[in-house]
Amino acid sequence: VAALASLAFAYAQGLATLIGAFVLYGLYIA
């Protein structure tokens, strides 16, 4: 999940991808 979150942050260009990145990041840290 951490690897996916980082990829989402790396390539986020819009709101939807950025929200998805923060969701994955929250799940990973949990």
Full PDB file with SEQRES, HELIX, SHEET, SSBOND, CRYST1, ORIGX, SCALE, CONECT and MASTER records, all heavy atoms in Angstrom:
SEQRES   1 A   30  VAL ALA ALA LEU ALA SER LEU ALA PHE ALA TYR ALA GLN          
SEQRES   2 A   30  GLY LEU ALA THR LEU ILE GLY ALA PHE VAL LEU TYR GLY          
SEQRES   3 A   30  LEU TYR ILE ALA                                              
HELIX    1 AA1 ALA A    2  TYR A   11  1                                  10    
HELIX    2 AA2 LEU A   15  ILE A   29  1                                  15    
CRYST1    1.000    1.000    1.000  90.00  90.00  90.00 P 1           1          
ORIGX1      1.000000  0.000000  0.000000        0.00000                         
ORIGX2      0.000000  1.000000  0.000000        0.00000                         
ORIGX3      0.000000  0.000000  1.000000        0.00000                         
SCALE1      1.000000  0.000000  0.000000        0.00000                         
SCALE2      0.000000  1.000000  0.000000        0.00000                         
SCALE3      0.000000  0.000000  1.000000        0.00000                         
ATOM      1  N   VAL A   1       0.837  -1.200   0.000  1.00  0.00           N  
ATOM      2  CA  VAL A   1       0.000   0.000   0.000  1.00  0.00           C  
ATOM      3  C   VAL A   1       0.877   1.257   0.000  1.00  0.00           C  
ATOM      4  O   VAL A   1       0.573   2.252  -0.675  1.00  0.00           O  
ATOM      5  CB  VAL A   1      -0.952   0.000   1.214  1.00  0.00           C  
ATOM      6  CG1 VAL A   1      -1.742   1.304   1.284  1.00  0.00           C  
ATOM      7  CG2 VAL A   1      -1.914  -1.182   1.143  1.00  0.00           C  
ATOM      8  N   ALA A   2       1.985   1.210   0.751  1.00  0.00           N  
ATOM      9  CA  ALA A   2       2.910   2.352   0.812  1.00  0.00           C  
ATOM     10  C   ALA A   2       3.486   2.661  -0.566  1.00  0.00           C  
ATOM     11  O   ALA A   2       3.598   3.826  -0.965  1.00  0.00           O  
ATOM     12  CB  ALA A   2       4.038   2.064   1.795  1.00  0.00           C  
ATOM     13  N   ALA A   3       3.874   1.621  -1.300  1.00  0.00           N  
ATOM     14  CA  ALA A   3       4.437   1.816  -2.636  1.00  0.00           C  
ATOM     15  C   ALA A   3       3.412   2.456  -3.574  1.00  0.00           C  
ATOM     16  O   ALA A   3       3.737   3.360  -4.351  1.00  0.00           O  
ATOM     17  CB  ALA A   3       4.915   0.477  -3.201  1.00  0.00           C  
ATOM     18  N   LEU A   4       2.154   2.012  -3.478  1.00  0.00           N  
ATOM     19  CA  LEU A   4       1.098   2.584  -4.311  1.00  0.00           C  
ATOM     20  C   LEU A   4       0.823   4.042  -3.945  1.00  0.00           C  
ATOM     21  O   LEU A   4       0.620   4.889  -4.822  1.00  0.00           O  
ATOM     22  CB  LEU A   4      -0.186   1.756  -4.159  1.00  0.00           C  
ATOM     23  CG  LEU A   4      -0.171   0.356  -4.789  1.00  0.00           C  
ATOM     24  CD1 LEU A   4      -1.450  -0.391  -4.426  1.00  0.00           C  
ATOM     25  CD2 LEU A   4      -0.030   0.462  -6.306  1.00  0.00           C  
ATOM     26  N   ALA A   5       0.828   4.331  -2.648  1.00  0.00           N  
ATOM     27  CA  ALA A   5       0.588   5.708  -2.207  1.00  0.00           C  
ATOM     28  C   ALA A   5       1.659   6.646  -2.749  1.00  0.00           C  
ATOM     29  O   ALA A   5       1.358   7.755  -3.228  1.00  0.00           O  
ATOM     30  CB  ALA A   5       0.550   5.767  -0.681  1.00  0.00           C  
ATOM     31  N   SER A   6       2.918   6.211  -2.684  1.00  0.00           N  
ATOM     32  CA  SER A   6       4.016   7.048  -3.163  1.00  0.00           C  
ATOM     33  C   SER A   6       3.926   7.278  -4.664  1.00  0.00           C  
ATOM     34  O   SER A   6       4.199   8.383  -5.159  1.00  0.00           O  
ATOM     35  CB  SER A   6       5.362   6.404  -2.805  1.00  0.00           C  
ATOM     36  OG  SER A   6       5.521   6.336  -1.401  1.00  0.00           O  
ATOM     37  N   LEU A   7       3.543   6.239  -5.406  1.00  0.00           N  
ATOM     38  CA  LEU A   7       3.367   6.404  -6.850  1.00  0.00           C  
ATOM     39  C   LEU A   7       2.243   7.392  -7.154  1.00  0.00           C  
ATOM     40  O   LEU A   7       2.344   8.204  -8.085  1.00  0.00           O  
ATOM     41  CB  LEU A   7       3.064   5.052  -7.499  1.00  0.00           C  
ATOM     42  CG  LEU A   7       4.235   4.067  -7.610  1.00  0.00           C  
ATOM     43  CD1 LEU A   7       3.741   2.719  -8.131  1.00  0.00           C  
ATOM     44  CD2 LEU A   7       5.329   4.629  -8.519  1.00  0.00           C  
ATOM     45  N   ALA A   8       1.167   7.325  -6.362  1.00  0.00           N  
ATOM     46  CA  ALA A   8       0.053   8.249  -6.563  1.00  0.00           C  
ATOM     47  C   ALA A   8       0.480   9.687  -6.308  1.00  0.00           C  
ATOM     48  O   ALA A   8       0.137  10.601  -7.074  1.00  0.00           O  
ATOM     49  CB  ALA A   8      -1.117   7.862  -5.660  1.00  0.00           C  
ATOM     50  N   PHE A   9       1.258   9.918  -5.244  1.00  0.00           N  
ATOM     51  CA  PHE A   9       1.765  11.266  -4.977  1.00  0.00           C  
ATOM     52  C   PHE A   9       2.721  11.721  -6.089  1.00  0.00           C  
ATOM     53  O   PHE A   9       2.712  12.886  -6.498  1.00  0.00           O  
ATOM     54  CB  PHE A   9       2.485  11.314  -3.629  1.00  0.00           C  
ATOM     55  CG  PHE A   9       1.578  11.497  -2.447  1.00  0.00           C  
ATOM     56  CD1 PHE A   9       1.527  10.539  -1.442  1.00  0.00           C  
ATOM     57  CD2 PHE A   9       0.785  12.631  -2.328  1.00  0.00           C  
ATOM     58  CE1 PHE A   9       0.688  10.706  -0.345  1.00  0.00           C  
ATOM     59  CE2 PHE A   9      -0.051  12.809  -1.229  1.00  0.00           C  
ATOM     60  CZ  PHE A   9      -0.108  11.836  -0.230  1.00  0.00           C  
ATOM     61  N   ALA A  10       3.540  10.797  -6.571  1.00  0.00           N  
ATOM     62  CA  ALA A  10       4.529  11.155  -7.589  1.00  0.00           C  
ATOM     63  C   ALA A  10       3.875  11.680  -8.853  1.00  0.00           C  
ATOM     64  O   ALA A  10       4.358  12.648  -9.461  1.00  0.00           O  
ATOM     65  CB  ALA A  10       5.411   9.945  -7.907  1.00  0.00           C  
ATOM     66  N   TYR A  11       2.762  11.054  -9.261  1.00  0.00           N  
ATOM     67  CA  TYR A  11       2.175  11.388 -10.558  1.00  0.00           C  
ATOM     68  C   TYR A  11       0.853  12.139 -10.451  1.00  0.00           C  
ATOM     69  O   TYR A  11       0.176  12.351 -11.468  1.00  0.00           O  
ATOM     70  CB  TYR A  11       1.990  10.109 -11.368  1.00  0.00           C  
ATOM     71  CG  TYR A  11       3.311   9.473 -11.736  1.00  0.00           C  
ATOM     72  CD1 TYR A  11       3.712   8.275 -11.146  1.00  0.00           C  
ATOM     73  CD2 TYR A  11       4.169  10.081 -12.645  1.00  0.00           C  
ATOM     74  CE1 TYR A  11       4.942   7.695 -11.469  1.00  0.00           C  
ATOM     75  CE2 TYR A  11       5.397   9.510 -12.975  1.00  0.00           C  
ATOM     76  CZ  TYR A  11       5.771   8.317 -12.380  1.00  0.00           C  
ATOM     77  OH  TYR A  11       6.986   7.756 -12.692  1.00  0.00           O  
ATOM     78  N   ALA A  12       0.478  12.554  -9.242  1.00  0.00           N  
ATOM     79  CA  ALA A  12      -0.773  13.297  -9.072  1.00  0.00           C  
ATOM     80  C   ALA A  12      -0.709  14.635  -9.804  1.00  0.00           C  
ATOM     81  O   ALA A  12       0.243  15.403  -9.643  1.00  0.00           O  
ATOM     82  CB  ALA A  12      -1.043  13.525  -7.585  1.00  0.00           C  
ATOM     83  N   GLN A  13      -1.718  14.882 -10.605  1.00  0.00           N  
ATOM     84  CA  GLN A  13      -1.833  16.156 -11.321  1.00  0.00           C  
ATOM     85  C   GLN A  13      -3.167  16.839 -11.037  1.00  0.00           C  
ATOM     86  O   GLN A  13      -3.307  18.035 -11.272  1.00  0.00           O  
ATOM     87  CB  GLN A  13      -1.686  15.931 -12.827  1.00  0.00           C  
ATOM     88  CG  GLN A  13      -0.321  15.429 -13.246  1.00  0.00           C  
ATOM     89  CD  GLN A  13       0.783  16.435 -12.968  1.00  0.00           C  
ATOM     90  OE1 GLN A  13       0.583  17.648 -13.058  1.00  0.00           O  
ATOM     91  NE2 GLN A  13       1.966  15.939 -12.606  1.00  0.00           N  
ATOM     92  N   GLY A  14      -4.130  16.083 -10.557  1.00  0.00           N  
ATOM     93  CA  GLY A  14      -5.459  16.631 -10.292  1.00  0.00           C  
ATOM     94  C   GLY A  14      -5.977  16.219  -8.934  1.00  0.00           C  
ATOM     95  O   GLY A  14      -5.330  15.467  -8.190  1.00  0.00           O  
ATOM     96  N   LEU A  15      -7.165  16.687  -8.615  1.00  0.00           N  
ATOM     97  CA  LEU A  15      -7.746  16.482  -7.294  1.00  0.00           C  
ATOM     98  C   LEU A  15      -8.010  15.011  -6.995  1.00  0.00           C  
ATOM     99  O   LEU A  15      -7.713  14.529  -5.897  1.00  0.00           O  
ATOM    100  CB  LEU A  15      -9.055  17.277  -7.179  1.00  0.00           C  
ATOM    101  CG  LEU A  15      -9.807  17.157  -5.849  1.00  0.00           C  
ATOM    102  CD1 LEU A  15      -8.948  17.661  -4.697  1.00  0.00           C  
ATOM    103  CD2 LEU A  15     -11.123  17.930  -5.922  1.00  0.00           C  
ATOM    104  N   ALA A  16      -8.562  14.264  -7.963  1.00  0.00           N  
ATOM    105  CA  ALA A  16      -8.944  12.871  -7.716  1.00  0.00           C  
ATOM    106  C   ALA A  16      -7.731  12.020  -7.335  1.00  0.00           C  
ATOM    107  O   ALA A  16      -7.776  11.236  -6.376  1.00  0.00           O  
ATOM    108  CB  ALA A  16      -9.631  12.289  -8.943  1.00  0.00           C  
ATOM    109  N   THR A  17      -6.636  12.160  -8.094  1.00  0.00           N  
ATOM    110  CA  THR A  17      -5.435  11.377  -7.801  1.00  0.00           C  
ATOM    111  C   THR A  17      -4.825  11.783  -6.467  1.00  0.00           C  
ATOM    112  O   THR A  17      -4.360  10.928  -5.698  1.00  0.00           O  
ATOM    113  CB  THR A  17      -4.387  11.555  -8.912  1.00  0.00           C  
ATOM    114  OG1 THR A  17      -4.973  11.279 -10.166  1.00  0.00           O  
ATOM    115  CG2 THR A  17      -3.209  10.607  -8.696  1.00  0.00           C  
ATOM    116  N   LEU A  18      -4.850  13.077  -6.163  1.00  0.00           N  
ATOM    117  CA  LEU A  18      -4.297  13.550  -4.896  1.00  0.00           C  
ATOM    118  C   LEU A  18      -5.103  13.010  -3.722  1.00  0.00           C  
ATOM    119  O   LEU A  18      -4.530  12.572  -2.716  1.00  0.00           O  
ATOM    120  CB  LEU A  18      -4.273  15.072  -4.865  1.00  0.00           C  
ATOM    121  CG  LEU A  18      -3.525  15.711  -3.689  1.00  0.00           C  
ATOM    122  CD1 LEU A  18      -2.052  15.305  -3.702  1.00  0.00           C  
ATOM    123  CD2 LEU A  18      -3.661  17.234  -3.738  1.00  0.00           C  
ATOM    124  N   ILE A  19      -6.422  13.006  -3.829  1.00  0.00           N  
ATOM    125  CA  ILE A  19      -7.263  12.440  -2.772  1.00  0.00           C  
ATOM    126  C   ILE A  19      -6.957  10.955  -2.603  1.00  0.00           C  
ATOM    127  O   ILE A  19      -6.826  10.444  -1.485  1.00  0.00           O  
ATOM    128  CB  ILE A  19      -8.757  12.659  -3.092  1.00  0.00           C  
ATOM    129  CG1 ILE A  19      -9.117  14.139  -2.925  1.00  0.00           C  
ATOM    130  CG2 ILE A  19      -9.637  11.789  -2.194  1.00  0.00           C  
ATOM    131  CD1 ILE A  19     -10.542  14.469  -3.329  1.00  0.00           C  
ATOM    132  N   GLY A  20      -6.855  10.240  -3.743  1.00  0.00           N  
ATOM    133  CA  GLY A  20      -6.517   8.816  -3.673  1.00  0.00           C  
ATOM    134  C   GLY A  20      -5.190   8.577  -2.984  1.00  0.00           C  
ATOM    135  O   GLY A  20      -5.034   7.622  -2.213  1.00  0.00           O  
ATOM    136  N   ALA A  21      -4.201   9.444  -3.246  1.00  0.00           N  
ATOM    137  CA  ALA A  21      -2.886   9.313  -2.618  1.00  0.00           C  
ATOM    138  C   ALA A  21      -2.986   9.480  -1.111  1.00  0.00           C  
ATOM    139  O   ALA A  21      -2.388   8.709  -0.341  1.00  0.00           O  
ATOM    140  CB  ALA A  21      -1.926  10.357  -3.206  1.00  0.00           C  
ATOM    141  N   PHE A  22      -3.745  10.476  -0.655  1.00  0.00           N  
ATOM    142  CA  PHE A  22      -3.901  10.690   0.782  1.00  0.00           C  
ATOM    143  C   PHE A  22      -4.654   9.533   1.442  1.00  0.00           C  
ATOM    144  O   PHE A  22      -4.359   9.154   2.584  1.00  0.00           O  
ATOM    145  CB  PHE A  22      -4.612  12.017   1.058  1.00  0.00           C  
ATOM    146  CG  PHE A  22      -3.682  13.196   1.107  1.00  0.00           C  
ATOM    147  CD1 PHE A  22      -3.573  14.065   0.027  1.00  0.00           C  
ATOM    148  CD2 PHE A  22      -2.913  13.444   2.235  1.00  0.00           C  
ATOM    149  CE1 PHE A  22      -2.707  15.146   0.059  1.00  0.00           C  
ATOM    150  CE2 PHE A  22      -2.040  14.525   2.281  1.00  0.00           C  
ATOM    151  CZ  PHE A  22      -1.937  15.386   1.193  1.00  0.00           C  
ATOM    152  N   VAL A  23      -5.628   8.949   0.741  1.00  0.00           N  
ATOM    153  CA  VAL A  23      -6.359   7.790   1.270  1.00  0.00           C  
ATOM    154  C   VAL A  23      -5.415   6.601   1.442  1.00  0.00           C  
ATOM    155  O   VAL A  23      -5.397   5.940   2.492  1.00  0.00           O  
ATOM    156  CB  VAL A  23      -7.546   7.428   0.358  1.00  0.00           C  
ATOM    157  CG1 VAL A  23      -8.136   6.071   0.749  1.00  0.00           C  
ATOM    158  CG2 VAL A  23      -8.622   8.506   0.426  1.00  0.00           C  
ATOM    159  N   LEU A  24      -4.637   6.301   0.415  1.00  0.00           N  
ATOM    160  CA  LEU A  24      -3.680   5.194   0.489  1.00  0.00           C  
ATOM    161  C   LEU A  24      -2.624   5.446   1.559  1.00  0.00           C  
ATOM    162  O   LEU A  24      -2.224   4.531   2.288  1.00  0.00           O  
ATOM    163  CB  LEU A  24      -3.007   4.992  -0.870  1.00  0.00           C  
ATOM    164  CG  LEU A  24      -3.867   4.390  -1.976  1.00  0.00           C  
ATOM    165  CD1 LEU A  24      -3.143   4.479  -3.318  1.00  0.00           C  
ATOM    166  CD2 LEU A  24      -4.217   2.942  -1.658  1.00  0.00           C  
ATOM    167  N   TYR A  25      -2.180   6.691   1.661  1.00  0.00           N  
ATOM    168  CA  TYR A  25      -1.185   7.052   2.669  1.00  0.00           C  
ATOM    169  C   TYR A  25      -1.736   6.834   4.075  1.00  0.00           C  
ATOM    170  O   TYR A  25      -1.048   6.317   4.958  1.00  0.00           O  
ATOM    171  CB  TYR A  25      -0.780   8.514   2.464  1.00  0.00           C  
ATOM    172  CG  TYR A  25       0.374   8.989   3.315  1.00  0.00           C  
ATOM    173  CD1 TYR A  25       1.624   8.394   3.236  1.00  0.00           C  
ATOM    174  CD2 TYR A  25       0.219  10.065   4.188  1.00  0.00           C  
ATOM    175  CE1 TYR A  25       2.692   8.849   3.998  1.00  0.00           C  
ATOM    176  CE2 TYR A  25       1.278  10.525   4.961  1.00  0.00           C  
ATOM    177  CZ  TYR A  25       2.516   9.915   4.863  1.00  0.00           C  
ATOM    178  OH  TYR A  25       3.555  10.372   5.628  1.00  0.00           O  
ATOM    179  N   GLY A  26      -3.001   7.193   4.295  1.00  0.00           N  
ATOM    180  CA  GLY A  26      -3.628   6.969   5.592  1.00  0.00           C  
ATOM    181  C   GLY A  26      -3.750   5.496   5.930  1.00  0.00           C  
ATOM    182  O   GLY A  26      -3.507   5.077   7.072  1.00  0.00           O  
ATOM    183  N   LEU A  27      -4.104   4.680   4.928  1.00  0.00           N  
ATOM    184  CA  LEU A  27      -4.228   3.240   5.142  1.00  0.00           C  
ATOM    185  C   LEU A  27      -2.866   2.622   5.455  1.00  0.00           C  
ATOM    186  O   LEU A  27      -2.729   1.790   6.366  1.00  0.00           O  
ATOM    187  CB  LEU A  27      -4.836   2.586   3.899  1.00  0.00           C  
ATOM    188  CG  LEU A  27      -5.137   1.096   3.980  1.00  0.00           C  
ATOM    189  CD1 LEU A  27      -6.107   0.786   5.100  1.00  0.00           C  
ATOM    190  CD2 LEU A  27      -5.688   0.598   2.642  1.00  0.00           C  
ATOM    191  N   TYR A  28      -1.848   3.035   4.713  1.00  0.00           N  
ATOM    192  CA  TYR A  28      -0.488   2.521   4.928  1.00  0.00           C  
ATOM    193  C   TYR A  28       0.024   2.855   6.331  1.00  0.00           C  
ATOM    194  O   TYR A  28       0.516   1.986   7.055  1.00  0.00           O  
ATOM    195  CB  TYR A  28       0.434   3.095   3.864  1.00  0.00           C  
ATOM    196  CG  TYR A  28       1.877   3.272   4.283  1.00  0.00           C  
ATOM    197  CD1 TYR A  28       2.647   2.189   4.719  1.00  0.00           C  
ATOM    198  CD2 TYR A  28       2.487   4.526   4.231  1.00  0.00           C  
ATOM    199  CE1 TYR A  28       3.969   2.365   5.101  1.00  0.00           C  
ATOM    200  CE2 TYR A  28       3.804   4.699   4.597  1.00  0.00           C  
ATOM    201  CZ  TYR A  28       4.546   3.617   5.042  1.00  0.00           C  
ATOM    202  OH  TYR A  28       5.854   3.783   5.420  1.00  0.00           O  
ATOM    203  N   ILE A  29      -0.115   4.116   6.743  1.00  0.00           N  
ATOM    204  CA  ILE A  29       0.381   4.506   8.055  1.00  0.00           C  
ATOM    205  C   ILE A  29      -0.387   3.789   9.160  1.00  0.00           C  
ATOM    206  O   ILE A  29       0.179   3.409  10.189  1.00  0.00           O  
ATOM    207  CB  ILE A  29       0.298   6.041   8.246  1.00  0.00           C  
ATOM    208  CG1 ILE A  29       1.127   6.755   7.171  1.00  0.00           C  
ATOM    209  CG2 ILE A  29       0.797   6.440   9.626  1.00  0.00           C  
ATOM    210  CD1 ILE A  29       2.598   6.454   7.233  1.00  0.00           C  
ATOM    211  N   ALA A  30      -1.693   3.568   8.953  1.00  0.00           N  
ATOM    212  CA  ALA A  30      -2.493   2.841   9.940  1.00  0.00           C  
ATOM    213  C   ALA A  30      -1.950   1.421  10.153  1.00  0.00           C  
ATOM    214  O   ALA A  30      -1.896   0.923  11.281  1.00  0.00           O  
ATOM    215  CB  ALA A  30      -3.948   2.782   9.498  1.00  0.00           C  
TER     216      ALA A  30                                                      
MASTER        0    0    0    2    0    0    0    6  215    1    0    3          
END                                                                             
